[in-house]
Amino acid sequence: AVALCLSANAVIKPPTIQLLAYAAPVKDRDHGIVNHQHMNSSIGAVRDYLVAAHAQGLIDVYKPAYARNAIRFFIGDPTMCEALADAALAVPSPYNLRTTFGALLATYTAAGDLQRCMDVIARINAAEKQYNLFLRNPSILKRTAVSLLSNQRNFPHSASSEFSTTSHINTSTMQYAYACILDYLAEHDSIENSQLGSALFQNALNAGLFSSNFRLASSGVLDLHDLSVGSARFAVLHFLDIIGKSRNRVSIITGKGLNSPNNIPVLKPMVEKLLTEETYVFKSDSSNSGVRNVTAILLCILSWLLASWLQS
């Protein structure tokens, strides 16, 4: 149908390109195995139309309405993807920002180009601060998390890698990208997301991220300062699983929440709820309310002992 439109010099308007974009296999959600033959033919047909129709003056592919939806059809051509994104973002409306960044991230994720995914997430972070908007697409972030785990060989394992140098990706940017994904997985808690988050956090540690938070881990101390809620959740789970097993008592520094909005702590209640769910005994440090001392004795064991004593 697209080929017929081109041969007839027919104009396919932006709303139709949008429908075609979301029908293409470059998805916002993970739908399992992708038929690459179908992807190549369907995406190729629309891409050919966009290129030819633009050359013939039928459409202007760099108009924001076209550009933000055309990105998905240029998978494998990052130069064109970036050119279309720049054209779309020339009009920084909330809708343009969300759809353009979402299309870029979905396209690079589908292509397995995780290095560019990191760059896009860093740009989303900057735009969120500049325009005071929430621009992250949670479903795409989850797909990016899956790709991070399944394509680790294509991912920069340290901030000193060649890619990090050439594309200005540093430890802070990479850590922010992981935090965005971990926040999503923590907010949408399930067995699958919990397992995915734990594996992803281990991957981040292997890449040299969150090292400052674990600098005292060998002494039985975890410092959660400067972590997002999702990052902190998976840091605690990892810490208790790895360090807690070898110690009778560990300490978790949550902070007092002085840097949180309205000075209301967010990590402290999250950690206390998590420790309760995981059935650990804990209490505040008498000298510092921003520290939780955790005793590595499970409450379920204590409950069983108490029940056994009462029965006897």
Protein backbone atom coordinates (compact mmCIF):
# COMPACT_ATOMS: atom_id res chain seq x y z
CA ALA A 1 0.00 0.00 0.00
CA VAL A 2 2.85 2.36 0.82
CA ALA A 3 4.55 1.55 -2.50
CA LEU A 4 1.31 2.30 -4.36
CA CYS A 5 1.08 5.69 -2.61
CA LEU A 6 4.57 6.54 -3.79
CA SER A 7 3.93 5.46 -7.37
CA ALA A 8 0.75 7.56 -7.39
CA ASN A 9 2.56 10.59 -5.89
CA ALA A 10 0.12 10.43 -3.00
CA VAL A 11 0.82 12.21 0.27
CA ILE A 12 0.73 10.08 3.40
CA LYS A 13 -0.12 12.51 6.17
CA PRO A 14 1.59 12.57 9.61
CA PRO A 15 -1.25 10.80 11.51
CA THR A 16 -0.94 7.82 9.15
CA ILE A 17 2.85 7.77 9.52
CA GLN A 18 2.26 7.73 13.29
CA LEU A 19 -0.06 4.72 13.00
CA LEU A 20 2.47 2.96 10.79
CA ALA A 21 5.23 3.78 13.28
CA TYR A 22 3.42 2.12 16.15
CA ALA A 23 2.46 -0.83 13.95
CA ALA A 24 6.12 -1.45 13.08
CA PRO A 25 8.04 -4.00 15.17
CA VAL A 26 10.14 -1.27 16.84
CA LYS A 27 7.98 -1.47 19.93
CA ASP A 28 7.69 0.34 23.25
CA ARG A 29 6.97 -3.01 24.93
CA ASP A 30 8.59 -6.41 24.70
CA HIS A 31 6.36 -8.70 22.65
CA GLY A 32 8.73 -11.65 22.57
CA ILE A 33 10.45 -12.86 19.42
CA VAL A 34 10.55 -10.32 16.60
CA ASN A 35 10.17 -11.50 13.01
CA HIS A 36 13.17 -9.71 11.52
CA GLN A 37 12.14 -10.53 7.97
CA HIS A 38 8.81 -8.83 8.56
CA MET A 39 10.56 -5.96 10.33
CA ASN A 40 12.94 -5.39 7.42
CA SER A 41 10.19 -5.41 4.80
CA SER A 42 7.63 -3.32 6.67
CA ILE A 43 10.08 -0.76 7.97
CA GLY A 44 11.93 -0.65 4.66
CA ALA A 45 8.78 0.10 2.68
CA VAL A 46 7.85 3.10 4.81
CA ARG A 47 11.45 4.31 4.99
CA ASP A 48 11.70 4.19 1.19
CA TYR A 49 8.50 6.18 0.90
CA LEU A 50 9.70 8.84 3.36
CA VAL A 51 13.00 9.28 1.55
CA ALA A 52 11.49 9.36 -1.94
CA ALA A 53 8.48 11.51 -1.04
CA HIS A 54 10.76 14.02 0.68
CA ALA A 55 13.07 14.11 -2.36
CA GLN A 56 10.07 14.70 -4.65
CA GLY A 57 8.72 17.49 -2.44
CA LEU A 58 5.56 15.61 -1.53
CA ILE A 59 6.34 15.85 2.18
CA ASP A 60 8.89 17.51 4.43
CA VAL A 61 10.21 14.67 6.55
CA TYR A 62 11.96 17.19 8.82
CA LYS A 63 8.76 18.84 9.97
CA PRO A 64 8.24 17.84 13.62
CA ALA A 65 4.96 16.02 12.90
CA TYR A 66 6.76 13.76 10.43
CA ALA A 67 10.19 13.69 12.05
CA ARG A 68 9.19 12.38 15.50
CA ASN A 69 7.31 9.45 13.94
CA ALA A 70 9.80 8.74 11.16
CA ILE A 71 12.64 7.91 13.57
CA ARG A 72 11.52 4.30 14.09
CA PHE A 73 11.80 3.55 10.36
CA PHE A 74 15.48 4.43 10.26
CA ILE A 75 16.65 1.72 12.64
CA GLY A 76 20.29 1.02 11.85
CA ASP A 77 20.87 4.59 10.60
CA PRO A 78 21.72 6.60 13.74
CA THR A 79 22.79 9.64 11.71
CA MET A 80 19.31 9.96 10.21
CA CYS A 81 17.68 9.17 13.56
CA GLU A 82 19.57 12.02 15.21
CA ALA A 83 18.80 14.42 12.34
CA LEU A 84 15.09 13.65 12.62
CA ALA A 85 15.23 13.98 16.41
CA ASP A 86 16.91 17.39 16.16
CA ALA A 87 14.22 18.52 13.73
CA ALA A 88 11.42 17.31 15.99
CA LEU A 89 12.97 18.82 19.13
CA ALA A 90 13.22 22.21 17.44
CA VAL A 91 9.67 22.60 18.76
CA PRO A 92 10.12 21.56 22.41
CA SER A 93 6.49 20.94 23.30
CA PRO A 94 5.82 18.28 25.95
CA TYR A 95 4.33 15.96 23.34
CA ASN A 96 7.25 16.43 20.95
CA LEU A 97 9.76 15.83 23.71
CA ARG A 98 8.09 12.65 25.00
CA THR A 99 7.42 11.07 21.61
CA THR A 100 10.80 11.99 20.14
CA PHE A 101 12.88 10.73 23.05
CA GLY A 102 10.65 7.66 23.30
CA ALA A 103 11.10 6.89 19.60
CA LEU A 104 14.88 7.32 19.84
CA LEU A 105 15.17 5.08 22.88
CA ALA A 106 12.86 2.42 21.42
CA THR A 107 14.77 2.43 18.12
CA TYR A 108 18.23 2.19 19.67
CA THR A 109 17.01 -0.48 22.07
CA ALA A 110 15.58 -2.53 19.19
CA ALA A 111 18.89 -2.10 17.34
CA GLY A 112 20.83 -3.24 20.41
CA ASP A 113 22.74 0.07 20.39
CA LEU A 114 22.94 0.37 24.16
CA GLN A 115 25.65 2.99 24.10
CA ARG A 116 23.32 5.40 22.33
CA CYS A 117 20.54 4.38 24.73
CA MET A 118 22.67 5.73 27.56
CA ASP A 119 23.16 8.97 25.65
CA VAL A 120 19.40 9.34 25.05
CA ILE A 121 18.61 8.77 28.73
CA ALA A 122 21.19 11.43 29.64
CA ARG A 123 19.45 13.83 27.22
CA ILE A 124 16.09 12.97 28.77
CA ASN A 125 17.54 13.82 32.19
CA ALA A 126 18.77 17.21 30.94
CA ALA A 127 15.44 17.98 29.25
CA GLU A 128 13.46 17.03 32.36
CA LYS A 129 15.47 19.52 34.38
CA GLN A 130 15.29 22.22 31.70
CA TYR A 131 11.54 21.99 31.08
CA ASN A 132 10.43 20.61 34.48
CA LEU A 133 8.64 17.68 32.83
CA PHE A 134 8.52 13.91 33.31
CA LEU A 135 9.62 12.51 29.96
CA ARG A 136 10.56 8.89 30.68
CA ASN A 137 8.54 6.11 29.05
CA PRO A 138 8.49 3.29 31.64
CA SER A 139 7.78 0.50 29.15
CA ILE A 140 10.71 1.47 26.94
CA LEU A 141 12.95 1.70 30.00
CA LYS A 142 12.05 -1.88 30.91
CA ARG A 143 12.90 -3.07 27.40
CA THR A 144 16.20 -1.22 27.69
CA ALA A 145 16.85 -3.04 30.98
CA VAL A 146 16.27 -6.39 29.29
CA SER A 147 18.65 -5.39 26.50
CA LEU A 148 21.27 -4.27 28.99
CA LEU A 149 21.31 -7.78 30.42
CA SER A 150 21.10 -9.71 27.15
CA ASN A 151 23.64 -7.61 25.22
CA GLN A 152 26.30 -6.94 27.82
CA ARG A 153 29.12 -7.48 25.35
CA ASN A 154 27.89 -4.46 23.36
CA PHE A 155 27.74 -2.27 26.45
CA PRO A 156 30.56 -0.07 27.84
CA HIS A 157 31.67 -1.82 31.04
CA SER A 158 33.42 1.19 32.51
CA ALA A 159 33.31 4.93 32.26
CA SER A 160 36.85 4.89 30.85
CA SER A 161 35.87 2.88 27.76
CA GLU A 162 36.52 4.35 24.32
CA PHE A 163 32.82 5.03 23.85
CA SER A 164 32.57 6.90 27.14
CA THR A 165 35.37 9.19 26.02
CA THR A 166 34.12 9.87 22.53
CA SER A 167 30.44 10.38 23.40
CA HIS A 168 30.81 12.09 26.78
CA ILE A 169 29.22 9.19 28.65
CA ASN A 170 30.61 9.24 32.17
CA THR A 171 29.95 7.32 35.35
CA SER A 172 27.34 9.83 36.50
CA THR A 173 25.39 9.54 33.25
CA MET A 174 25.53 5.75 33.23
CA GLN A 175 24.46 5.60 36.86
CA TYR A 176 21.52 7.91 36.15
CA ALA A 177 20.45 5.68 33.26
CA TYR A 178 20.49 2.62 35.48
CA ALA A 179 18.64 4.54 38.21
CA CYS A 180 15.79 5.43 35.84
CA ILE A 181 15.31 1.78 34.97
CA LEU A 182 15.68 0.53 38.55
CA ASP A 183 13.12 3.10 39.72
CA TYR A 184 10.62 1.76 37.21
CA LEU A 185 11.23 -1.86 38.25
CA ALA A 186 10.88 -0.94 41.94
CA GLU A 187 7.68 1.06 41.36
CA HIS A 188 6.13 -1.83 39.39
CA ASP A 189 7.11 -4.53 41.84
CA SER A 190 6.64 -8.14 40.75
CA ILE A 191 8.68 -11.32 40.91
CA GLU A 192 9.82 -10.81 37.33
CA ASN A 193 10.75 -7.15 37.85
CA SER A 194 12.49 -7.92 41.14
CA GLN A 195 14.65 -10.58 39.50
CA LEU A 196 15.36 -8.30 36.56
CA GLY A 197 16.28 -5.41 38.87
CA SER A 198 18.63 -7.55 40.97
CA ALA A 199 20.40 -8.83 37.87
CA LEU A 200 20.60 -5.32 36.43
CA PHE A 201 22.03 -3.93 39.68
CA GLN A 202 24.72 -6.63 39.64
CA ASN A 203 25.47 -5.62 36.05
CA ALA A 204 25.83 -2.00 37.17
CA LEU A 205 28.25 -3.00 39.94
CA ASN A 206 30.27 -4.97 37.40
CA ALA A 207 30.45 -1.81 35.30
CA GLY A 208 31.97 0.06 38.27
CA LEU A 209 28.82 1.99 39.16
CA PHE A 210 27.50 2.70 42.69
CA SER A 211 31.02 2.02 44.00
CA SER A 212 30.96 4.96 46.43
CA ASN A 213 27.85 3.55 48.10
CA PHE A 214 29.63 0.24 48.72
CA ARG A 215 32.97 1.72 49.78
CA LEU A 216 32.41 0.55 53.39
CA ALA A 217 30.71 -2.73 52.50
CA SER A 218 33.64 -4.81 53.70
CA SER A 219 33.07 -3.28 57.14
CA GLY A 220 29.38 -4.15 57.03
CA VAL A 221 28.13 -0.66 56.11
CA LEU A 222 26.01 0.41 53.12
CA ASP A 223 25.67 4.13 52.36
CA LEU A 224 22.53 5.04 50.38
CA HIS A 225 23.28 8.76 50.02
CA ASP A 226 22.54 10.20 46.55
CA LEU A 227 20.67 7.10 45.39
CA SER A 228 17.19 7.09 43.90
CA VAL A 229 14.54 5.01 45.63
CA GLY A 230 14.78 2.20 43.09
CA SER A 231 18.58 2.13 43.15
CA ALA A 232 18.54 2.14 46.96
CA ARG A 233 16.04 -0.74 47.10
CA PHE A 234 18.16 -3.01 44.91
CA ALA A 235 21.34 -1.88 46.67
CA VAL A 236 19.89 -2.98 50.03
CA LEU A 237 18.76 -6.34 48.64
CA HIS A 238 22.18 -6.94 47.10
CA PHE A 239 24.00 -5.83 50.24
CA LEU A 240 21.99 -8.08 52.55
CA ASP A 241 22.31 -11.01 50.18
CA ILE A 242 26.09 -10.71 49.75
CA ILE A 243 27.33 -9.04 52.95
CA GLY A 244 24.56 -9.87 55.42
CA LYS A 245 25.12 -13.60 55.12
CA SER A 246 28.62 -13.33 56.58
CA ARG A 247 27.83 -10.95 59.44
CA ASN A 248 25.58 -10.98 62.49
CA ARG A 249 24.98 -7.26 62.20
CA VAL A 250 25.25 -4.66 59.44
CA SER A 251 24.44 -0.95 59.16
CA ILE A 252 22.52 0.84 56.41
CA ILE A 253 22.93 4.61 56.14
CA THR A 254 19.68 6.04 54.78
CA GLY A 255 20.36 9.67 55.63
CA LYS A 256 17.94 11.97 57.42
CA GLY A 257 16.19 13.22 54.29
CA LEU A 258 17.59 16.74 54.55
CA ASN A 259 18.06 16.88 50.76
CA SER A 260 14.63 15.42 50.00
CA PRO A 261 11.70 17.63 48.93
CA ASN A 262 10.34 19.45 52.00
CA ASN A 263 12.98 17.59 54.05
CA ILE A 264 10.71 14.55 54.13
CA PRO A 265 12.78 11.33 54.07
CA VAL A 266 12.03 8.93 51.23
CA LEU A 267 14.77 6.33 51.64
CA LYS A 268 14.23 5.77 55.37
CA PRO A 269 10.60 4.54 55.12
CA MET A 270 11.40 2.54 51.99
CA VAL A 271 14.29 0.74 53.72
CA GLU A 272 12.26 0.07 56.86
CA LYS A 273 9.39 -1.35 54.80
CA LEU A 274 11.80 -3.48 52.78
CA LEU A 275 13.54 -4.84 55.89
CA THR A 276 10.15 -5.67 57.40
CA GLU A 277 9.10 -7.47 54.21
CA GLU A 278 12.38 -9.38 54.21
CA THR A 279 11.81 -10.17 57.93
CA TYR A 280 15.00 -8.64 59.30
CA VAL A 281 15.36 -7.21 62.80
CA PHE A 282 16.46 -3.57 62.70
CA LYS A 283 16.60 -0.43 64.81
CA SER A 284 17.80 3.17 64.50
CA ASP A 285 21.30 3.99 65.63
CA SER A 286 21.03 5.79 68.97
CA SER A 287 23.67 8.30 67.90
CA ASN A 288 22.46 8.87 64.33
CA SER A 289 18.82 8.64 63.23
CA GLY A 290 19.95 8.34 59.62
CA VAL A 291 21.47 4.89 60.24
CA ARG A 292 19.62 1.57 60.45
CA ASN A 293 21.36 -1.25 62.28
CA VAL A 294 20.19 -4.59 60.92
CA THR A 295 20.57 -7.83 62.82
CA ALA A 296 20.98 -10.76 60.48
CA ILE A 297 18.43 -12.92 62.33
CA LEU A 298 15.19 -13.46 60.49
CA LEU A 299 11.96 -12.58 62.26
CA CYS A 300 10.36 -15.71 60.89
CA ILE A 301 12.92 -17.79 62.83
CA LEU A 302 12.21 -15.81 66.00
CA SER A 303 8.46 -16.31 65.48
CA TRP A 304 8.95 -20.07 65.07
CA LEU A 305 11.07 -20.27 68.22
CA LEU A 306 8.48 -18.28 70.19
CA ALA A 307 5.65 -20.50 68.94
CA SER A 308 7.61 -23.62 69.83
CA TRP A 309 8.31 -22.28 73.36
CA LEU A 310 4.63 -21.41 73.92
CA GLN A 311 3.55 -24.87 72.78
CA SER A 312 6.01 -26.51 75.16
